[in-house]
Amino acid sequence: MKNVNPKPAHGYMGKISTFPIHEGLGIEYATSEDECQKFTSLMWPDGNGHFCETVHSYAKMAAELQQLLVKMLCESYGIEKHSHTDKSFVSILHQNHVKGLEIRTKDGEWISYEPSSHSSFAVVAGDVCMAWSNDRIKSCYHRVIVEGEDVRYAVGLFSFLTGLIKAPEELVDEEHPLQYYPFEHQGLLDFYQSSNSLNKGDSNMVKAYCGV
């Protein structure tokens, strides 16, 4: 609980009525070795070099994967430039042997994510990816359902942006008119946090925030 961050879901998460048995910790800017060291020193004042090195290495590899994914998206749409990537642009999720991640299909059916190996992970498009792609890529609804007595552990890398986010001009045409006004990522997070909607986690907040 010492891991305090004013941004929603960026620090300690837990002990809330909707998720009474869930706890989580966020390490902001985990791709920075200095930021990983700050978190490590907070948790282990006497030091824990192995933890710091492991988290930093994982974050760098996951970030490189995220950058590759963005490059592939740009190339698939014929976009040469892309000044902004990334609620998140994409999320990279990894869970232990206790499965629980479920994905909602376009038809509204929930299917269980079945990793092919212990080293497999899921890549999930976020609301910001949907807005950036001008609705060509839909954000993915997902949830965690855990049964049994084994503890489920999961790690995720979430990309957040600074600066103005807007759809590249190559993705806006007569068949795909502009769907979102330019917006700031932190503004979307603040709007989501301030919403009193009971179903805000299952609603299109980015449309309500900056939809055309």
N, C-alpha and C. Protein backbone atom coordinates (compact mmCIF):
# COMPACT_ATOMS: atom_id res chain seq x y z
N MET A 1 0.82 -1.22 0.00
CA MET A 1 0.00 0.00 0.00
C MET A 1 0.85 1.27 0.00
N LYS A 2 2.16 1.13 0.19
CA LYS A 2 3.06 2.28 0.07
C LYS A 2 3.21 2.73 -1.38
N ASN A 3 2.83 1.86 -2.31
CA ASN A 3 2.97 2.17 -3.73
C ASN A 3 1.81 3.06 -4.17
N VAL A 4 1.92 4.36 -3.84
CA VAL A 4 0.85 5.32 -4.08
C VAL A 4 1.07 6.03 -5.42
N ASN A 5 -0.01 6.15 -6.20
CA ASN A 5 0.06 6.88 -7.46
C ASN A 5 -1.29 7.54 -7.70
N PRO A 6 -1.33 8.85 -7.98
CA PRO A 6 -2.62 9.53 -8.18
C PRO A 6 -3.38 9.07 -9.42
N LYS A 7 -2.68 8.44 -10.37
CA LYS A 7 -3.34 7.96 -11.58
C LYS A 7 -4.07 6.65 -11.31
N PRO A 8 -5.28 6.49 -11.82
CA PRO A 8 -6.04 5.26 -11.59
C PRO A 8 -5.29 4.01 -12.06
N ALA A 9 -5.22 2.99 -11.21
CA ALA A 9 -4.64 1.68 -11.53
C ALA A 9 -3.14 1.74 -11.84
N HIS A 10 -2.47 2.81 -11.41
CA HIS A 10 -1.03 2.91 -11.65
C HIS A 10 -0.20 2.55 -10.42
N GLY A 11 -0.83 2.46 -9.28
CA GLY A 11 -0.11 2.11 -8.05
C GLY A 11 -0.65 0.83 -7.46
N TYR A 12 -0.94 0.85 -6.16
CA TYR A 12 -1.53 -0.33 -5.51
C TYR A 12 -3.02 -0.40 -5.82
N MET A 13 -3.50 -1.59 -6.15
CA MET A 13 -4.92 -1.82 -6.42
C MET A 13 -5.38 -2.99 -5.56
N GLY A 14 -6.48 -2.82 -4.85
CA GLY A 14 -7.00 -3.92 -4.05
C GLY A 14 -7.98 -3.46 -3.00
N LYS A 15 -8.63 -4.44 -2.40
CA LYS A 15 -9.58 -4.20 -1.31
C LYS A 15 -10.70 -3.25 -1.71
N ILE A 16 -11.28 -3.52 -2.89
CA ILE A 16 -12.45 -2.78 -3.32
C ILE A 16 -13.61 -3.74 -3.46
N SER A 17 -14.84 -3.25 -3.31
CA SER A 17 -16.01 -4.11 -3.22
C SER A 17 -16.24 -4.95 -4.47
N THR A 18 -15.92 -4.39 -5.65
CA THR A 18 -16.18 -5.13 -6.88
C THR A 18 -15.20 -6.27 -7.11
N PHE A 19 -13.98 -6.16 -6.53
CA PHE A 19 -12.98 -7.21 -6.65
C PHE A 19 -12.37 -7.48 -5.28
N PRO A 20 -13.10 -8.12 -4.37
CA PRO A 20 -12.65 -8.22 -2.97
C PRO A 20 -11.40 -9.06 -2.76
N ILE A 21 -11.08 -9.99 -3.67
CA ILE A 21 -9.91 -10.83 -3.45
C ILE A 21 -8.78 -10.51 -4.43
N HIS A 22 -8.90 -9.40 -5.14
CA HIS A 22 -7.88 -9.03 -6.12
C HIS A 22 -6.95 -7.97 -5.55
N GLU A 23 -5.66 -8.16 -5.77
CA GLU A 23 -4.67 -7.14 -5.45
C GLU A 23 -3.69 -7.00 -6.61
N GLY A 24 -3.22 -5.81 -6.84
CA GLY A 24 -2.28 -5.59 -7.91
C GLY A 24 -1.34 -4.44 -7.59
N LEU A 25 -0.18 -4.45 -8.24
CA LEU A 25 0.81 -3.39 -8.09
C LEU A 25 1.24 -2.90 -9.47
N GLY A 26 1.28 -1.58 -9.61
CA GLY A 26 1.75 -1.02 -10.86
C GLY A 26 3.12 -0.40 -10.68
N ILE A 27 3.99 -0.60 -11.68
CA ILE A 27 5.31 0.04 -11.70
C ILE A 27 5.33 0.97 -12.91
N GLU A 28 5.17 2.26 -12.66
CA GLU A 28 5.10 3.20 -13.77
C GLU A 28 6.48 3.40 -14.40
N TYR A 29 6.49 3.49 -15.74
CA TYR A 29 7.74 3.64 -16.49
C TYR A 29 8.72 2.50 -16.19
N ALA A 30 8.21 1.27 -16.22
CA ALA A 30 9.04 0.11 -15.88
C ALA A 30 10.16 -0.12 -16.88
N THR A 31 10.11 0.52 -18.04
CA THR A 31 11.21 0.40 -19.00
C THR A 31 12.42 1.23 -18.57
N SER A 32 12.25 2.06 -17.54
CA SER A 32 13.37 2.83 -17.00
C SER A 32 13.97 2.09 -15.82
N GLU A 33 15.27 1.84 -15.86
CA GLU A 33 15.94 1.14 -14.76
C GLU A 33 15.85 1.93 -13.46
N ASP A 34 15.92 3.26 -13.55
CA ASP A 34 15.82 4.09 -12.35
C ASP A 34 14.45 3.96 -11.68
N GLU A 35 13.38 3.90 -12.50
CA GLU A 35 12.04 3.77 -11.93
C GLU A 35 11.84 2.40 -11.31
N CYS A 36 12.41 1.35 -11.91
CA CYS A 36 12.34 0.01 -11.32
C CYS A 36 13.09 -0.01 -9.98
N GLN A 37 14.20 0.72 -9.92
CA GLN A 37 14.97 0.77 -8.69
C GLN A 37 14.21 1.51 -7.60
N LYS A 38 13.48 2.56 -7.97
CA LYS A 38 12.67 3.30 -7.00
C LYS A 38 11.62 2.39 -6.38
N PHE A 39 10.95 1.59 -7.23
CA PHE A 39 9.93 0.68 -6.72
C PHE A 39 10.56 -0.39 -5.84
N THR A 40 11.70 -0.92 -6.28
CA THR A 40 12.38 -1.96 -5.51
C THR A 40 12.80 -1.43 -4.14
N SER A 41 13.33 -0.22 -4.09
CA SER A 41 13.75 0.37 -2.82
C SER A 41 12.57 0.61 -1.88
N LEU A 42 11.40 0.89 -2.48
CA LEU A 42 10.19 1.09 -1.67
C LEU A 42 9.76 -0.22 -1.01
N MET A 43 9.85 -1.31 -1.77
CA MET A 43 9.41 -2.61 -1.26
C MET A 43 10.48 -3.28 -0.39
N TRP A 44 11.74 -3.12 -0.80
CA TRP A 44 12.87 -3.75 -0.08
C TRP A 44 13.93 -2.69 0.21
N PRO A 45 13.82 -1.98 1.35
CA PRO A 45 14.80 -0.92 1.67
C PRO A 45 16.24 -1.42 1.68
N ASP A 46 16.44 -2.72 1.97
CA ASP A 46 17.80 -3.26 1.97
C ASP A 46 18.26 -3.70 0.58
N GLY A 47 17.38 -3.55 -0.40
CA GLY A 47 17.76 -3.89 -1.76
C GLY A 47 17.27 -5.26 -2.20
N ASN A 48 17.03 -5.40 -3.50
CA ASN A 48 16.66 -6.67 -4.12
C ASN A 48 17.02 -6.57 -5.60
N GLY A 49 18.30 -6.72 -5.87
CA GLY A 49 18.81 -6.53 -7.22
C GLY A 49 18.20 -7.49 -8.22
N HIS A 50 17.95 -8.74 -7.81
CA HIS A 50 17.40 -9.74 -8.74
C HIS A 50 16.01 -9.33 -9.20
N PHE A 51 15.17 -8.87 -8.27
CA PHE A 51 13.82 -8.43 -8.64
C PHE A 51 13.88 -7.25 -9.61
N CYS A 52 14.70 -6.26 -9.28
CA CYS A 52 14.80 -5.06 -10.11
C CYS A 52 15.24 -5.41 -11.53
N GLU A 53 16.27 -6.24 -11.63
CA GLU A 53 16.79 -6.63 -12.95
C GLU A 53 15.75 -7.42 -13.75
N THR A 54 15.04 -8.32 -13.06
CA THR A 54 14.04 -9.15 -13.74
C THR A 54 12.90 -8.31 -14.30
N VAL A 55 12.36 -7.41 -13.47
CA VAL A 55 11.26 -6.56 -13.91
C VAL A 55 11.68 -5.65 -15.05
N HIS A 56 12.84 -5.05 -14.92
CA HIS A 56 13.31 -4.13 -15.96
C HIS A 56 13.54 -4.86 -17.27
N SER A 57 14.15 -6.06 -17.23
CA SER A 57 14.41 -6.83 -18.44
C SER A 57 13.10 -7.24 -19.11
N TYR A 58 12.15 -7.69 -18.30
CA TYR A 58 10.85 -8.10 -18.85
C TYR A 58 10.15 -6.91 -19.51
N ALA A 59 10.16 -5.77 -18.83
CA ALA A 59 9.49 -4.59 -19.36
C ALA A 59 10.10 -4.14 -20.69
N LYS A 60 11.42 -4.20 -20.79
CA LYS A 60 12.08 -3.80 -22.04
C LYS A 60 11.71 -4.73 -23.18
N MET A 61 11.70 -6.05 -22.90
CA MET A 61 11.33 -7.01 -23.95
C MET A 61 9.88 -6.84 -24.38
N ALA A 62 8.99 -6.65 -23.41
CA ALA A 62 7.58 -6.46 -23.72
C ALA A 62 7.35 -5.16 -24.49
N ALA A 63 8.10 -4.12 -24.14
CA ALA A 63 7.98 -2.84 -24.84
C ALA A 63 8.46 -2.96 -26.28
N GLU A 64 9.52 -3.71 -26.51
CA GLU A 64 10.00 -3.94 -27.87
C GLU A 64 8.96 -4.69 -28.69
N LEU A 65 8.29 -5.65 -28.06
CA LEU A 65 7.21 -6.36 -28.74
C LEU A 65 6.07 -5.40 -29.08
N GLN A 66 5.72 -4.54 -28.15
CA GLN A 66 4.65 -3.58 -28.40
C GLN A 66 5.00 -2.66 -29.56
N GLN A 67 6.25 -2.21 -29.62
CA GLN A 67 6.69 -1.35 -30.72
C GLN A 67 6.64 -2.09 -32.05
N LEU A 68 6.99 -3.38 -32.03
CA LEU A 68 6.91 -4.19 -33.25
C LEU A 68 5.46 -4.33 -33.71
N LEU A 69 4.56 -4.54 -32.76
CA LEU A 69 3.14 -4.66 -33.09
C LEU A 69 2.62 -3.38 -33.73
N VAL A 70 3.01 -2.24 -33.18
CA VAL A 70 2.58 -0.96 -33.74
C VAL A 70 3.13 -0.79 -35.15
N LYS A 71 4.37 -1.19 -35.35
CA LYS A 71 4.97 -1.11 -36.69
C LYS A 71 4.21 -1.97 -37.68
N MET A 72 3.82 -3.18 -37.24
CA MET A 72 3.06 -4.08 -38.10
C MET A 72 1.69 -3.48 -38.43
N LEU A 73 1.06 -2.84 -37.44
CA LEU A 73 -0.23 -2.19 -37.69
C LEU A 73 -0.08 -1.08 -38.72
N CYS A 74 0.95 -0.28 -38.56
CA CYS A 74 1.18 0.82 -39.49
C CYS A 74 1.42 0.31 -40.90
N GLU A 75 2.26 -0.72 -41.01
CA GLU A 75 2.57 -1.28 -42.32
C GLU A 75 1.34 -1.89 -42.97
N SER A 76 0.49 -2.54 -42.16
CA SER A 76 -0.70 -3.19 -42.73
C SER A 76 -1.70 -2.18 -43.28
N TYR A 77 -1.69 -0.95 -42.74
CA TYR A 77 -2.57 0.10 -43.23
C TYR A 77 -1.85 1.07 -44.16
N GLY A 78 -0.62 0.78 -44.48
CA GLY A 78 0.13 1.63 -45.39
C GLY A 78 0.50 2.97 -44.80
N ILE A 79 0.72 2.99 -43.50
CA ILE A 79 1.07 4.24 -42.83
C ILE A 79 2.58 4.30 -42.61
N GLU A 80 3.21 5.27 -43.16
CA GLU A 80 4.66 5.41 -43.03
C GLU A 80 5.05 6.07 -41.71
N LYS A 81 4.18 6.98 -41.23
CA LYS A 81 4.51 7.73 -40.02
C LYS A 81 3.53 7.38 -38.91
N HIS A 82 3.98 7.50 -37.69
CA HIS A 82 3.10 7.24 -36.53
C HIS A 82 3.75 7.81 -35.29
N SER A 83 3.32 9.03 -34.91
CA SER A 83 3.97 9.73 -33.82
C SER A 83 3.41 9.33 -32.46
N HIS A 84 2.22 8.74 -32.44
CA HIS A 84 1.61 8.34 -31.17
C HIS A 84 1.14 6.89 -31.23
N THR A 85 1.51 6.13 -30.22
CA THR A 85 0.99 4.78 -30.08
C THR A 85 -0.11 4.82 -29.04
N ASP A 86 -0.52 4.24 -28.30
CA ASP A 86 -1.53 4.08 -27.21
C ASP A 86 -2.53 5.15 -27.29
N LYS A 87 -7.99 4.88 -22.09
CA LYS A 87 -7.58 3.73 -21.33
C LYS A 87 -6.35 2.96 -21.87
N SER A 88 -5.40 1.90 -22.52
CA SER A 88 -4.07 1.67 -23.09
C SER A 88 -4.16 1.51 -24.61
N PHE A 89 -3.04 1.60 -25.26
CA PHE A 89 -3.01 1.33 -26.70
C PHE A 89 -3.13 -0.17 -26.93
N VAL A 90 -2.17 -0.93 -26.43
CA VAL A 90 -2.30 -2.38 -26.37
C VAL A 90 -1.85 -2.84 -24.99
N SER A 91 -2.34 -3.99 -24.56
CA SER A 91 -1.95 -4.59 -23.29
C SER A 91 -1.37 -5.97 -23.59
N ILE A 92 -0.25 -6.28 -22.94
CA ILE A 92 0.39 -7.59 -23.08
C ILE A 92 0.24 -8.30 -21.75
N LEU A 93 -0.49 -9.42 -21.73
CA LEU A 93 -0.88 -10.09 -20.50
C LEU A 93 -0.31 -11.50 -20.42
N HIS A 94 0.20 -11.85 -19.26
CA HIS A 94 0.77 -13.18 -19.02
C HIS A 94 0.27 -13.70 -17.68
N GLN A 95 -0.19 -14.94 -17.63
CA GLN A 95 -0.70 -15.51 -16.40
C GLN A 95 0.03 -16.81 -16.07
N ASN A 96 -0.04 -17.21 -14.78
CA ASN A 96 0.61 -18.46 -14.39
C ASN A 96 -0.27 -19.64 -14.79
N HIS A 97 -0.03 -20.81 -14.22
CA HIS A 97 -0.75 -22.01 -14.64
C HIS A 97 -2.23 -21.96 -14.32
N VAL A 98 -2.65 -21.05 -13.44
CA VAL A 98 -4.07 -20.91 -13.11
C VAL A 98 -4.72 -20.03 -14.16
N LYS A 99 -5.48 -20.64 -15.03
CA LYS A 99 -6.12 -19.90 -16.11
C LYS A 99 -7.30 -19.10 -15.58
N GLY A 100 -7.71 -18.08 -16.30
CA GLY A 100 -8.83 -17.26 -15.85
C GLY A 100 -9.22 -16.18 -16.84
N LEU A 101 -8.30 -15.84 -17.76
CA LEU A 101 -8.58 -14.78 -18.71
C LEU A 101 -9.62 -15.24 -19.73
N GLU A 102 -10.68 -14.43 -19.89
CA GLU A 102 -11.71 -14.72 -20.87
C GLU A 102 -11.88 -13.52 -21.80
N ILE A 103 -12.16 -13.81 -23.07
CA ILE A 103 -12.32 -12.79 -24.10
C ILE A 103 -13.74 -12.83 -24.64
N ARG A 104 -14.34 -11.66 -24.83
CA ARG A 104 -15.69 -11.61 -25.39
C ARG A 104 -15.63 -11.46 -26.90
N THR A 105 -16.31 -12.34 -27.62
CA THR A 105 -16.32 -12.31 -29.07
C THR A 105 -17.28 -11.23 -29.57
N LYS A 106 -17.28 -11.00 -30.88
CA LYS A 106 -18.19 -10.01 -31.47
C LYS A 106 -19.64 -10.38 -31.25
N ASP A 107 -19.92 -11.69 -31.11
CA ASP A 107 -21.28 -12.17 -30.89
C ASP A 107 -21.69 -12.12 -29.42
N GLY A 108 -20.82 -11.64 -28.55
CA GLY A 108 -21.14 -11.54 -27.14
C GLY A 108 -20.85 -12.80 -26.34
N GLU A 109 -20.20 -13.77 -26.96
CA GLU A 109 -19.87 -15.02 -26.27
C GLU A 109 -18.53 -14.89 -25.56
N TRP A 110 -18.43 -15.43 -24.35
CA TRP A 110 -17.18 -15.40 -23.60
C TRP A 110 -16.42 -16.69 -23.85
N ILE A 111 -15.17 -16.58 -24.26
CA ILE A 111 -14.33 -17.75 -24.49
C ILE A 111 -13.08 -17.67 -23.62
N SER A 112 -12.61 -18.81 -23.17
CA SER A 112 -11.44 -18.85 -22.31
C SER A 112 -10.16 -18.75 -23.14
N TYR A 113 -9.23 -17.93 -22.66
CA TYR A 113 -7.93 -17.84 -23.31
C TYR A 113 -7.10 -19.06 -22.93
N GLU A 114 -6.69 -19.83 -23.92
CA GLU A 114 -5.93 -21.05 -23.70
C GLU A 114 -4.52 -20.88 -24.25
N PRO A 115 -3.55 -20.52 -23.42
CA PRO A 115 -2.18 -20.34 -23.90
C PRO A 115 -1.60 -21.67 -24.38
N SER A 116 -0.78 -21.61 -25.41
CA SER A 116 -0.18 -22.82 -25.96
C SER A 116 0.96 -23.34 -25.11
N SER A 117 1.54 -22.47 -24.27
CA SER A 117 2.64 -22.88 -23.39
C SER A 117 2.70 -21.93 -22.21
N HIS A 118 3.56 -22.25 -21.23
CA HIS A 118 3.70 -21.39 -20.06
C HIS A 118 4.32 -20.03 -20.41
N SER A 119 5.00 -19.97 -21.54
CA SER A 119 5.64 -18.71 -21.93
C SER A 119 4.77 -17.88 -22.87
N SER A 120 3.55 -18.36 -23.17
CA SER A 120 2.65 -17.62 -24.06
C SER A 120 2.02 -16.43 -23.35
N PHE A 121 1.60 -15.45 -24.11
CA PHE A 121 0.95 -14.27 -23.56
C PHE A 121 -0.12 -13.79 -24.54
N ALA A 122 -1.03 -12.98 -24.04
CA ALA A 122 -2.11 -12.43 -24.86
C ALA A 122 -1.84 -10.96 -25.15
N VAL A 123 -2.10 -10.54 -26.37
CA VAL A 123 -1.99 -9.13 -26.76
C VAL A 123 -3.40 -8.62 -27.01
N VAL A 124 -3.80 -7.61 -26.25
CA VAL A 124 -5.17 -7.12 -26.27
C VAL A 124 -5.19 -5.66 -26.72
N ALA A 125 -5.99 -5.34 -27.73
CA ALA A 125 -6.13 -3.96 -28.18
C ALA A 125 -6.96 -3.17 -27.18
N GLY A 126 -6.53 -1.95 -26.89
CA GLY A 126 -7.24 -1.10 -25.93
C GLY A 126 -8.08 -0.04 -26.61
N ASP A 127 -8.79 0.76 -25.81
CA ASP A 127 -9.66 1.81 -26.34
C ASP A 127 -8.88 2.84 -27.15
N VAL A 128 -7.66 3.14 -26.72
CA VAL A 128 -6.87 4.15 -27.42
C VAL A 128 -6.44 3.64 -28.79
N CYS A 129 -6.17 2.34 -28.88
CA CYS A 129 -5.86 1.73 -30.18
C CYS A 129 -7.06 1.85 -31.12
N MET A 130 -8.26 1.63 -30.57
CA MET A 130 -9.47 1.76 -31.37
C MET A 130 -9.65 3.18 -31.88
N ALA A 131 -9.43 4.16 -31.00
CA ALA A 131 -9.58 5.56 -31.40
C ALA A 131 -8.52 5.94 -32.42
N TRP A 132 -7.27 5.52 -32.18
CA TRP A 132 -6.18 5.84 -33.11
C TRP A 132 -6.45 5.26 -34.50
N SER A 133 -6.98 4.03 -34.55
CA SER A 133 -7.22 3.36 -35.84
C SER A 133 -8.53 3.79 -36.48
N ASN A 134 -9.24 4.74 -35.85
CA ASN A 134 -10.50 5.23 -36.39
C ASN A 134 -11.54 4.12 -36.50
N ASP A 135 -11.58 3.26 -35.46
CA ASP A 135 -12.53 2.15 -35.34
C ASP A 135 -12.22 0.97 -36.27
N ARG A 136 -11.09 0.98 -36.94
CA ARG A 136 -10.74 -0.18 -37.78
C ARG A 136 -10.32 -1.36 -36.90
N ILE A 137 -9.73 -1.07 -35.75
CA ILE A 137 -9.38 -2.09 -34.77
C ILE A 137 -10.27 -1.88 -33.56
N LYS A 138 -11.02 -2.89 -33.16
CA LYS A 138 -11.94 -2.77 -32.04
C LYS A 138 -11.23 -3.13 -30.74
N SER A 139 -11.50 -2.37 -29.68
CA SER A 139 -10.95 -2.72 -28.38
C SER A 139 -11.61 -4.00 -27.89
N CYS A 140 -10.86 -4.75 -27.11
CA CYS A 140 -11.26 -6.11 -26.73
C CYS A 140 -11.78 -6.15 -25.30
N TYR A 141 -13.03 -6.55 -25.13
CA TYR A 141 -13.57 -6.76 -23.79
C TYR A 141 -13.02 -8.07 -23.23
N HIS A 142 -12.56 -8.03 -21.99
CA HIS A 142 -12.03 -9.24 -21.36
C HIS A 142 -12.29 -9.19 -19.86
N ARG A 143 -12.21 -10.35 -19.23
CA ARG A 143 -12.46 -10.45 -17.80
C ARG A 143 -11.66 -11.62 -17.26
N VAL A 144 -11.61 -11.72 -15.92
CA VAL A 144 -10.91 -12.82 -15.26
C VAL A 144 -11.91 -13.57 -14.39
N ILE A 145 -12.04 -14.86 -14.64
CA ILE A 145 -12.89 -15.75 -13.84
C ILE A 145 -12.00 -16.85 -13.26
N VAL A 146 -11.86 -16.89 -11.95
CA VAL A 146 -10.98 -17.87 -11.31
C VAL A 146 -11.80 -18.80 -10.43
N GLU A 147 -11.62 -20.10 -10.63
CA GLU A 147 -12.29 -21.11 -9.83
C GLU A 147 -11.24 -21.97 -9.12
N GLY A 148 -11.64 -22.62 -8.05
CA GLY A 148 -10.69 -23.44 -7.32
C GLY A 148 -9.97 -22.64 -6.24
N GLU A 149 -8.99 -23.28 -5.62
CA GLU A 149 -8.30 -22.67 -4.48
C GLU A 149 -6.88 -22.19 -4.82
N ASP A 150 -6.35 -22.53 -6.00
CA ASP A 150 -5.01 -22.08 -6.37
C ASP A 150 -5.00 -20.57 -6.62
N VAL A 151 -3.92 -19.93 -6.24
CA VAL A 151 -3.78 -18.49 -6.44
C VAL A 151 -3.36 -18.21 -7.88
N ARG A 152 -4.00 -17.25 -8.49
CA ARG A 152 -3.64 -16.86 -9.85
C ARG A 152 -2.76 -15.62 -9.81
N TYR A 153 -1.63 -15.70 -10.50
CA TYR A 153 -0.74 -14.56 -10.63
C TYR A 153 -0.70 -14.13 -12.10
N ALA A 154 -0.66 -12.85 -12.32
CA ALA A 154 -0.61 -12.34 -13.69
C ALA A 154 0.27 -11.09 -13.74
N VAL A 155 0.89 -10.88 -14.90
CA VAL A 155 1.70 -9.68 -15.11
C VAL A 155 1.28 -9.07 -16.44
N GLY A 156 1.21 -7.75 -16.48
CA GLY A 156 0.80 -7.08 -17.70
C GLY A 156 1.62 -5.84 -17.98
N LEU A 157 1.83 -5.56 -19.25
CA LEU A 157 2.48 -4.31 -19.67
C LEU A 157 1.44 -3.48 -20.41
N PHE A 158 1.22 -2.25 -19.96
CA PHE A 158 0.22 -1.37 -20.54
C PHE A 158 0.90 -0.10 -21.04
N SER A 159 0.69 0.24 -22.30
CA SER A 159 1.33 1.43 -22.85
C SER A 159 0.41 2.64 -22.71
N PHE A 160 0.97 3.75 -22.21
CA PHE A 160 0.25 5.00 -22.04
C PHE A 160 1.00 6.10 -22.78
N LEU A 161 0.23 7.09 -23.26
CA LEU A 161 0.80 8.11 -24.13
C LEU A 161 0.83 9.49 -23.49
N THR A 162 1.77 10.28 -23.93
CA THR A 162 1.75 11.71 -23.66
C THR A 162 1.54 12.43 -24.98
N GLY A 163 1.00 13.63 -24.93
CA GLY A 163 0.75 14.35 -26.16
C GLY A 163 -0.64 14.07 -26.73
N LEU A 164 -0.89 14.64 -27.89
CA LEU A 164 -2.20 14.55 -28.52
C LEU A 164 -2.32 13.25 -29.33
N ILE A 165 -3.44 12.56 -29.15
CA ILE A 165 -3.71 11.32 -29.87
C ILE A 165 -4.77 11.59 -30.94
N LYS A 166 -4.48 11.23 -32.17
CA LYS A 166 -5.45 11.41 -33.23
C LYS A 166 -5.20 10.38 -34.33
N ALA A 167 -6.25 10.08 -35.08
CA ALA A 167 -6.14 9.09 -36.15
C ALA A 167 -5.26 9.63 -37.27
N PRO A 168 -4.33 8.82 -37.80
CA PRO A 168 -3.54 9.25 -38.95
C PRO A 168 -4.44 9.55 -40.14
N GLU A 169 -4.07 10.52 -40.94
CA GLU A 169 -4.91 10.93 -42.06
C GLU A 169 -5.14 9.79 -43.05
N GLU A 170 -4.19 8.82 -43.10
CA GLU A 170 -4.36 7.69 -44.00
C GLU A 170 -5.52 6.78 -43.62
N LEU A 171 -5.99 6.88 -42.37
CA LEU A 171 -7.08 6.03 -41.90
C LEU A 171 -8.43 6.73 -41.90
N VAL A 172 -8.48 7.93 -42.48
CA VAL A 172 -9.73 8.69 -42.56
C VAL A 172 -10.05 8.95 -44.03
N ASP A 173 -11.19 8.47 -44.48
CA ASP A 173 -11.61 8.69 -45.86
C ASP A 173 -13.13 8.67 -45.93
N GLU A 174 -13.70 8.65 -47.14
CA GLU A 174 -15.15 8.69 -47.29
C GLU A 174 -15.82 7.45 -46.70
N GLU A 175 -15.17 6.31 -46.84
CA GLU A 175 -15.72 5.07 -46.29
C GLU A 175 -15.50 4.96 -44.79
N HIS A 176 -14.49 5.68 -44.29
CA HIS A 176 -14.16 5.66 -42.86
C HIS A 176 -14.03 7.10 -42.36
N PRO A 177 -15.18 7.80 -42.21
CA PRO A 177 -15.10 9.19 -41.72
C PRO A 177 -14.56 9.23 -40.29
N LEU A 178 -14.04 10.39 -39.89
CA LEU A 178 -13.44 10.55 -38.58
C LEU A 178 -14.43 10.21 -37.47
N GLN A 179 -14.02 9.36 -36.53
CA GLN A 179 -14.89 8.90 -35.45
C GLN A 179 -14.55 9.55 -34.10
N TYR A 180 -13.33 10.10 -33.97
CA TYR A 180 -12.90 10.64 -32.68
C TYR A 180 -12.17 11.97 -32.88
N TYR A 181 -12.47 12.91 -32.02
CA TYR A 181 -11.70 14.14 -31.99
C TYR A 181 -10.35 13.87 -31.30
N PRO A 182 -9.31 14.64 -31.60
CA PRO A 182 -8.03 14.47 -30.91
C PRO A 182 -8.21 14.63 -29.40
N PHE A 183 -7.46 13.84 -28.63
CA PHE A 183 -7.62 13.87 -27.18
C PHE A 183 -6.30 13.53 -26.50
N GLU A 184 -6.24 13.85 -25.20
CA GLU A 184 -5.09 13.51 -24.37
C GLU A 184 -5.39 12.22 -23.61
N HIS A 185 -4.41 11.34 -23.53
CA HIS A 185 -4.62 10.06 -22.85
C HIS A 185 -5.00 10.24 -21.39
N GLN A 186 -4.30 11.13 -20.69
CA GLN A 186 -4.60 11.35 -19.28
C GLN A 186 -6.01 11.90 -19.10
N GLY A 187 -6.47 12.69 -20.06
CA GLY A 187 -7.83 13.22 -19.99
C GLY A 187 -8.86 12.10 -20.05
N LEU A 188 -8.60 11.10 -20.90
CA LEU A 188 -9.49 9.94 -20.98
C LEU A 188 -9.51 9.18 -19.66
N LEU A 189 -8.33 8.99 -19.05
CA LEU A 189 -8.25 8.29 -17.77
C LEU A 189 -8.99 9.04 -16.68
N ASP A 190 -8.85 10.36 -16.65
CA ASP A 190 -9.56 11.17 -15.65
C ASP A 190 -11.07 11.09 -15.86
N PHE A 191 -11.50 11.11 -17.13
CA PHE A 191 -12.93 11.02 -17.45
C PHE A 191 -13.48 9.67 -17.00
N TYR A 192 -12.74 8.60 -17.24
CA TYR A 192 -13.16 7.26 -16.82
C TYR A 192 -13.26 7.18 -15.30
N GLN A 193 -12.27 7.72 -14.61
CA GLN A 193 -12.25 7.66 -13.15
C GLN A 193 -13.40 8.45 -12.54
N SER A 194 -13.79 9.55 -13.15
CA SER A 194 -14.83 10.42 -12.58
C SER A 194 -16.24 9.95 -12.92
N SER A 195 -16.37 8.99 -13.83
CA SER A 195 -17.69 8.52 -14.24
C SER A 195 -18.38 7.77 -13.11
N ASN A 196 -19.69 8.01 -12.96
CA ASN A 196 -20.48 7.33 -11.94
C ASN A 196 -21.31 6.18 -12.51
N SER A 197 -21.08 5.86 -13.78
CA SER A 197 -21.82 4.77 -14.42
C SER A 197 -21.49 3.44 -13.76
N LEU A 198 -22.54 2.65 -13.45
CA LEU A 198 -22.32 1.35 -12.83
C LEU A 198 -21.68 0.37 -13.80
N ASN A 199 -21.84 0.62 -15.10
CA ASN A 199 -21.31 -0.30 -16.11
C ASN A 199 -20.18 0.34 -16.92
N LYS A 200 -19.46 1.26 -16.30
CA LYS A 200 -18.45 1.98 -17.07
C LYS A 200 -17.33 1.07 -17.57
N GLY A 201 -17.10 -0.06 -16.88
CA GLY A 201 -16.08 -0.97 -17.34
C GLY A 201 -16.49 -1.74 -18.57
N ASP A 202 -17.78 -1.74 -18.88
CA ASP A 202 -18.29 -2.49 -20.03
C ASP A 202 -18.97 -1.56 -21.02
N SER A 203 -18.55 -0.31 -21.01
CA SER A 203 -19.13 0.66 -21.93
C SER A 203 -18.03 1.37 -22.69
N ASN A 204 -18.40 2.00 -23.79
CA ASN A 204 -17.40 2.64 -24.64
C ASN A 204 -17.12 4.05 -24.14
N MET A 205 -16.23 4.15 -23.16
CA MET A 205 -15.95 5.44 -22.55
C MET A 205 -15.24 6.39 -23.51
N VAL A 206 -14.44 5.86 -24.40
CA VAL A 206 -13.71 6.73 -25.31
C VAL A 206 -14.67 7.40 -26.29
N LYS A 207 -15.76 6.70 -26.67
CA LYS A 207 -16.78 7.31 -27.53
C LYS A 207 -17.46 8.45 -26.80
N ALA A 208 -17.78 8.21 -25.52
CA ALA A 208 -18.45 9.25 -24.73
C ALA A 208 -17.52 10.43 -24.49
N TYR A 209 -16.22 10.17 -24.41
CA TYR A 209 -15.27 11.23 -24.11
C TYR A 209 -14.93 12.10 -25.31
N CYS A 210 -14.67 11.48 -26.44
CA CYS A 210 -14.19 12.28 -27.57
C CYS A 210 -14.77 11.84 -28.91
N GLY A 211 -15.88 11.09 -28.89
CA GLY A 211 -16.49 10.65 -30.14
C GLY A 211 -17.04 11.80 -30.95
N VAL A 212 -16.96 11.70 -32.26
CA VAL A 212 -17.47 12.74 -33.15
C VAL A 212 -19.00 12.68 -33.17
